[in-house]
Amino acid sequence: MGDRHTWTAAPSAAERARSVLAAAWSCAVTAEGGREELVGAHTVAGDGRVLLTVPEDSALVAAAICAPRGEPSAVLEFADVAPVPVRNRIRARLWIAGWFAPADAEDAGDESGQLVFRPTRVVLREPSGTVVVDLDEYAQAAPDRLATAEFQLLSHLAGAHPDAVERLTRLVEPDSLHGAVLVQPLAVDRHGLTLRIERARGHGDVRLPFHRPADDLGQLTERMHVLLAQAGAATRPRALQRQRTDGDG
């Protein structure tokens, strides 16, 4: 991509972990009492503790009461799912080991049946590899400010503006587009946009970094306009141009 972009930062592992937590709607909990799938049951405190609202007859309640205080007694698993249907839609998995305790009044508020989960180990697995996230960094990190809006943003981009997605491929190196049959927006964060390039066999991801981070939706709109302007000034990659010509008959 040459010198078109000056900002190349990406979220840290701790930020990615907190973003997965912020956006996830469900989680799987494995404890001594078995495994439970919970939907819409968790929130996250500022320091990364996970608050779970569980049925009163849940085995997790017994696990929270009976487990030795401070000893790891359960694992929470979260999946980061791409908003747009693509091959291998799971972008990341997050495992958090730790221990449960009944939530105190400050944590629970007006909610009953809440447990607080205190992490002792955080593991993030992405296509690039698996990393153990430092607990202090995890506690101090904040989720990406676009994390909870990403689903709607990318669904709209893919559904209403496929022409814009195609134009952005002009910023991708031609070699990366060789054999491409479909290009979809895979992810967006304050640092950049990632495109999924699908081929007849296999796929690849290409990141288009913003020239500076976007801290809100207004700034994201401006960053996207900059990318599209750069793409408009670029030459269409030969591979995609040939594919479009062949498809048009």
Protein backbone atom coordinates (compact mmCIF):
# COMPACT_ATOMS: atom_id res chain seq x y z
CA MET A 1 0.00 0.00 0.00
CA GLY A 2 3.03 2.24 -0.22
CA ASP A 3 2.92 5.51 1.73
CA ARG A 4 -0.83 6.08 1.49
CA HIS A 5 -1.32 5.39 5.22
CA THR A 6 0.67 6.84 8.11
CA TRP A 7 -1.12 5.10 11.01
CA THR A 8 -0.48 1.38 11.33
CA ALA A 9 -1.44 0.66 14.94
CA ALA A 10 -3.84 -2.13 15.82
CA PRO A 11 -5.64 -2.93 19.08
CA SER A 12 -3.57 -4.61 21.76
CA ALA A 13 -4.46 -8.11 22.90
CA ALA A 14 -5.98 -6.66 26.08
CA GLU A 15 -8.10 -4.22 24.08
CA ARG A 16 -9.23 -7.01 21.75
CA ALA A 17 -10.19 -9.15 24.74
CA ARG A 18 -12.23 -6.33 26.27
CA SER A 19 -13.86 -5.63 22.88
CA VAL A 20 -14.88 -9.27 22.48
CA LEU A 21 -16.45 -9.11 25.95
CA ALA A 22 -18.27 -5.87 25.20
CA ALA A 23 -19.79 -7.08 21.94
CA ALA A 24 -20.54 -10.71 22.79
CA TRP A 25 -24.17 -11.56 23.48
CA SER A 26 -23.65 -15.06 24.83
CA CYS A 27 -21.08 -17.08 26.73
CA ALA A 28 -20.42 -20.67 27.72
CA VAL A 29 -19.54 -21.37 31.34
CA THR A 30 -17.70 -24.54 32.37
CA ALA A 31 -17.53 -25.26 36.09
CA GLU A 32 -17.52 -28.27 38.38
CA GLY A 33 -21.28 -28.47 38.03
CA GLY A 34 -21.07 -28.87 34.25
CA ARG A 35 -21.37 -26.55 31.28
CA GLU A 36 -24.05 -23.93 30.73
CA GLU A 37 -24.79 -21.69 27.76
CA LEU A 38 -25.98 -18.24 28.83
CA VAL A 39 -27.52 -15.67 26.49
CA GLY A 40 -27.77 -11.98 27.34
CA ALA A 41 -26.67 -12.76 30.88
CA HIS A 42 -23.35 -10.96 31.31
CA THR A 43 -22.10 -7.44 31.80
CA VAL A 44 -18.55 -6.27 32.41
CA ALA A 45 -17.29 -4.03 35.18
CA GLY A 46 -14.72 -1.35 34.49
CA ASP A 47 -11.91 -3.49 35.86
CA GLY A 48 -12.81 -6.51 33.71
CA ARG A 49 -14.78 -8.53 36.25
CA VAL A 50 -17.70 -10.30 34.57
CA LEU A 51 -21.14 -10.08 36.18
CA LEU A 52 -23.45 -12.99 35.37
CA THR A 53 -27.18 -13.18 35.99
CA VAL A 54 -28.04 -16.86 36.38
CA PRO A 55 -31.18 -18.86 37.27
CA GLU A 56 -31.54 -19.59 40.97
CA ASP A 57 -31.35 -23.34 40.31
CA SER A 58 -28.16 -23.01 38.26
CA ALA A 59 -25.28 -25.29 39.26
CA LEU A 60 -23.08 -22.21 39.01
CA VAL A 61 -24.64 -20.84 42.19
CA ALA A 62 -23.50 -23.91 44.11
CA ALA A 63 -20.06 -23.65 42.48
CA ALA A 64 -19.78 -20.05 43.61
CA ILE A 65 -20.72 -20.85 47.19
CA CYS A 66 -18.71 -24.06 47.58
CA ALA A 67 -15.49 -23.27 45.71
CA PRO A 68 -12.51 -22.18 47.82
CA ARG A 69 -12.29 -18.42 47.66
CA GLY A 70 -9.68 -17.17 45.22
CA GLU A 71 -9.04 -20.51 43.52
CA PRO A 72 -9.87 -20.91 39.80
CA SER A 73 -13.14 -22.81 39.62
CA ALA A 74 -14.64 -22.01 36.21
CA VAL A 75 -13.88 -20.94 32.64
CA LEU A 76 -15.94 -18.51 30.59
CA GLU A 77 -15.76 -18.78 26.80
CA PHE A 78 -16.79 -16.06 24.36
CA ALA A 79 -16.83 -16.16 20.56
CA ASP A 80 -16.22 -13.13 18.36
CA VAL A 81 -18.45 -13.63 15.32
CA ALA A 82 -18.13 -11.59 12.11
CA PRO A 83 -21.25 -9.49 11.43
CA VAL A 84 -21.21 -10.36 7.72
CA PRO A 85 -21.60 -13.98 6.56
CA VAL A 86 -18.16 -15.19 5.48
CA ARG A 87 -16.22 -18.43 5.50
CA ASN A 88 -14.83 -19.21 8.98
CA ARG A 89 -17.01 -16.61 10.64
CA ILE A 90 -15.45 -16.94 14.11
CA ARG A 91 -12.82 -14.19 14.22
CA ALA A 92 -11.58 -14.90 17.74
CA ARG A 93 -12.26 -16.91 20.87
CA LEU A 94 -11.72 -15.65 24.40
CA TRP A 95 -11.30 -17.85 27.46
CA ILE A 96 -11.30 -16.41 30.97
CA ALA A 97 -10.46 -18.66 33.91
CA GLY A 98 -11.26 -17.50 37.40
CA TRP A 99 -13.54 -17.85 40.37
CA PHE A 100 -17.12 -16.97 41.19
CA ALA A 101 -18.50 -15.17 44.19
CA PRO A 102 -21.98 -13.88 44.95
CA ALA A 103 -22.21 -10.29 43.75
CA ASP A 104 -22.36 -7.69 46.51
CA ALA A 105 -24.97 -4.95 46.53
CA GLU A 106 -22.71 -2.48 44.72
CA ASP A 107 -22.09 -4.91 41.84
CA ALA A 108 -25.57 -6.37 41.60
CA GLY A 109 -27.63 -3.20 41.97
CA ASP A 110 -31.28 -4.21 41.72
CA GLU A 111 -30.48 -7.54 40.05
CA SER A 112 -30.98 -10.80 41.93
CA GLY A 113 -29.17 -14.05 41.16
CA GLN A 114 -25.98 -12.30 40.09
CA LEU A 115 -22.50 -13.74 40.39
CA VAL A 116 -19.26 -11.86 40.00
CA PHE A 117 -16.43 -13.62 38.16
CA ARG A 118 -12.89 -12.57 38.95
CA PRO A 119 -10.33 -13.47 36.24
CA THR A 120 -7.09 -15.27 37.04
CA ARG A 121 -6.10 -16.05 33.44
CA VAL A 122 -7.19 -14.56 30.10
CA VAL A 123 -6.43 -16.26 26.77
CA LEU A 124 -7.24 -14.82 23.35
CA ARG A 125 -7.04 -16.94 20.21
CA GLU A 126 -7.10 -15.28 16.80
CA PRO A 127 -6.00 -16.50 13.33
CA SER A 128 -2.63 -14.88 13.98
CA GLY A 129 -2.08 -16.99 17.08
CA THR A 130 -2.93 -17.49 20.74
CA VAL A 131 -1.80 -15.10 23.45
CA VAL A 132 -2.07 -15.07 27.24
CA VAL A 133 -3.22 -11.55 28.11
CA ASP A 134 -1.49 -9.83 31.01
CA LEU A 135 -4.04 -9.47 33.83
CA ASP A 136 -3.04 -5.91 34.73
CA GLU A 137 -3.28 -4.84 31.09
CA TYR A 138 -6.63 -6.58 30.80
CA ALA A 139 -7.97 -4.81 33.89
CA GLN A 140 -6.81 -1.40 32.68
CA ALA A 141 -7.83 -1.78 29.03
CA ALA A 142 -11.05 -0.42 27.57
CA PRO A 143 -13.04 -1.97 24.73
CA ASP A 144 -12.77 -0.39 21.32
CA ARG A 145 -15.24 2.48 21.13
CA LEU A 146 -16.74 1.04 17.94
CA ALA A 147 -17.12 -2.52 19.29
CA THR A 148 -20.82 -2.38 20.12
CA ALA A 149 -21.67 -0.57 16.87
CA GLU A 150 -19.57 -2.81 14.61
CA PHE A 151 -22.34 -5.29 13.76
CA GLN A 152 -24.64 -2.59 12.40
CA LEU A 153 -21.81 -0.69 10.69
CA LEU A 154 -20.45 -3.65 8.73
CA SER A 155 -23.87 -5.10 7.93
CA HIS A 156 -24.86 -1.74 6.44
CA LEU A 157 -21.60 -1.40 4.51
CA ALA A 158 -21.91 -4.87 3.00
CA GLY A 159 -25.63 -4.70 2.29
CA ALA A 160 -26.12 -1.10 1.16
CA HIS A 161 -22.72 -0.14 -0.24
CA PRO A 162 -21.15 -3.10 -2.07
CA ASP A 163 -19.80 -0.60 -4.60
CA ALA A 164 -17.78 1.05 -1.82
CA VAL A 165 -16.37 -2.32 -0.74
CA GLU A 166 -15.32 -3.02 -4.33
CA ARG A 167 -13.71 0.42 -4.59
CA LEU A 168 -11.68 -0.24 -1.43
CA THR A 169 -10.09 -3.26 -3.10
CA ARG A 170 -8.07 -0.79 -5.16
CA LEU A 171 -6.02 -0.26 -1.99
CA VAL A 172 -5.19 -3.97 -1.81
CA GLU A 173 -2.05 -5.36 -3.41
CA PRO A 174 -2.96 -7.22 -6.64
CA ASP A 175 -1.29 -10.42 -5.42
CA SER A 176 -3.70 -10.54 -2.48
CA LEU A 177 -6.66 -10.38 -4.88
CA HIS A 178 -5.48 -13.21 -7.12
CA GLY A 179 -8.31 -15.72 -7.51
CA ALA A 180 -10.74 -13.61 -5.45
CA VAL A 181 -14.41 -14.50 -5.89
CA LEU A 182 -15.85 -12.36 -3.08
CA VAL A 183 -14.65 -9.48 -0.91
CA GLN A 184 -16.54 -8.59 2.27
CA PRO A 185 -15.90 -6.25 5.23
CA LEU A 186 -14.77 -8.51 8.06
CA ALA A 187 -13.99 -6.14 10.93
CA VAL A 188 -13.65 -2.50 11.86
CA ASP A 189 -12.09 -0.88 14.91
CA ARG A 190 -10.82 2.58 15.72
CA HIS A 191 -7.53 1.79 13.97
CA GLY A 192 -8.73 0.42 10.63
CA LEU A 193 -10.95 -1.73 8.43
CA THR A 194 -10.28 -5.39 7.61
CA LEU A 195 -11.50 -7.00 4.38
CA ARG A 196 -12.03 -10.73 3.93
CA ILE A 197 -10.93 -11.93 0.48
CA GLU A 198 -12.53 -15.27 -0.34
CA ARG A 199 -11.26 -17.54 -3.07
CA ALA A 200 -12.60 -20.79 -4.48
CA ARG A 201 -10.27 -22.50 -2.03
CA GLY A 202 -9.25 -20.64 1.06
CA HIS A 203 -9.35 -17.00 2.02
CA GLY A 204 -7.19 -14.17 3.27
CA ASP A 205 -7.66 -10.99 5.28
CA VAL A 206 -6.26 -7.56 4.43
CA ARG A 207 -6.19 -4.63 6.83
CA LEU A 208 -6.65 -1.04 5.65
CA PRO A 209 -5.38 1.19 8.48
CA PHE A 210 -6.85 4.65 9.06
CA HIS A 211 -4.52 7.65 8.93
CA ARG A 212 -5.38 8.23 12.60
CA PRO A 213 -7.65 6.46 15.12
CA ALA A 214 -11.40 7.07 15.08
CA ASP A 215 -12.84 7.69 18.54
CA ASP A 216 -16.51 7.95 17.55
CA LEU A 217 -18.88 7.35 14.65
CA GLY A 218 -18.34 10.84 13.24
CA GLN A 219 -14.61 10.30 13.06
CA LEU A 220 -15.13 6.83 11.59
CA THR A 221 -17.21 8.35 8.78
CA GLU A 222 -14.38 10.78 8.03
CA ARG A 223 -11.76 7.99 8.09
CA MET A 224 -13.84 5.90 5.69
CA HIS A 225 -14.23 8.87 3.33
CA VAL A 226 -10.45 9.27 3.31
CA LEU A 227 -9.98 5.59 2.41
CA LEU A 228 -12.59 5.82 -0.35
CA ALA A 229 -10.96 8.96 -1.74
CA GLN A 230 -7.59 7.20 -1.78
CA ALA A 231 -9.22 4.20 -3.47
CA GLY A 232 -10.87 6.45 -6.04
CA ALA A 233 -7.49 7.83 -7.01
CA ALA A 234 -5.93 4.37 -7.26
CA THR A 235 -5.80 2.09 -10.28
CA ARG A 236 -8.12 -0.91 -10.25
CA PRO A 237 -6.13 -4.10 -9.58
CA ARG A 238 -5.76 -6.16 -12.75
CA ALA A 239 -7.11 -9.36 -11.20
CA LEU A 240 -10.36 -7.76 -10.07
CA GLN A 241 -10.74 -5.78 -13.30
CA ARG A 242 -10.42 -8.97 -15.34
CA GLN A 243 -12.89 -10.77 -13.08
CA ARG A 244 -15.46 -7.98 -13.44
CA THR A 245 -15.03 -7.85 -17.23
CA ASP A 246 -15.49 -11.59 -17.54
CA GLY A 247 -18.53 -11.46 -15.31
CA ASP A 248 -20.12 -8.73 -17.38
CA GLY A 249 -19.85 -10.92 -20.48
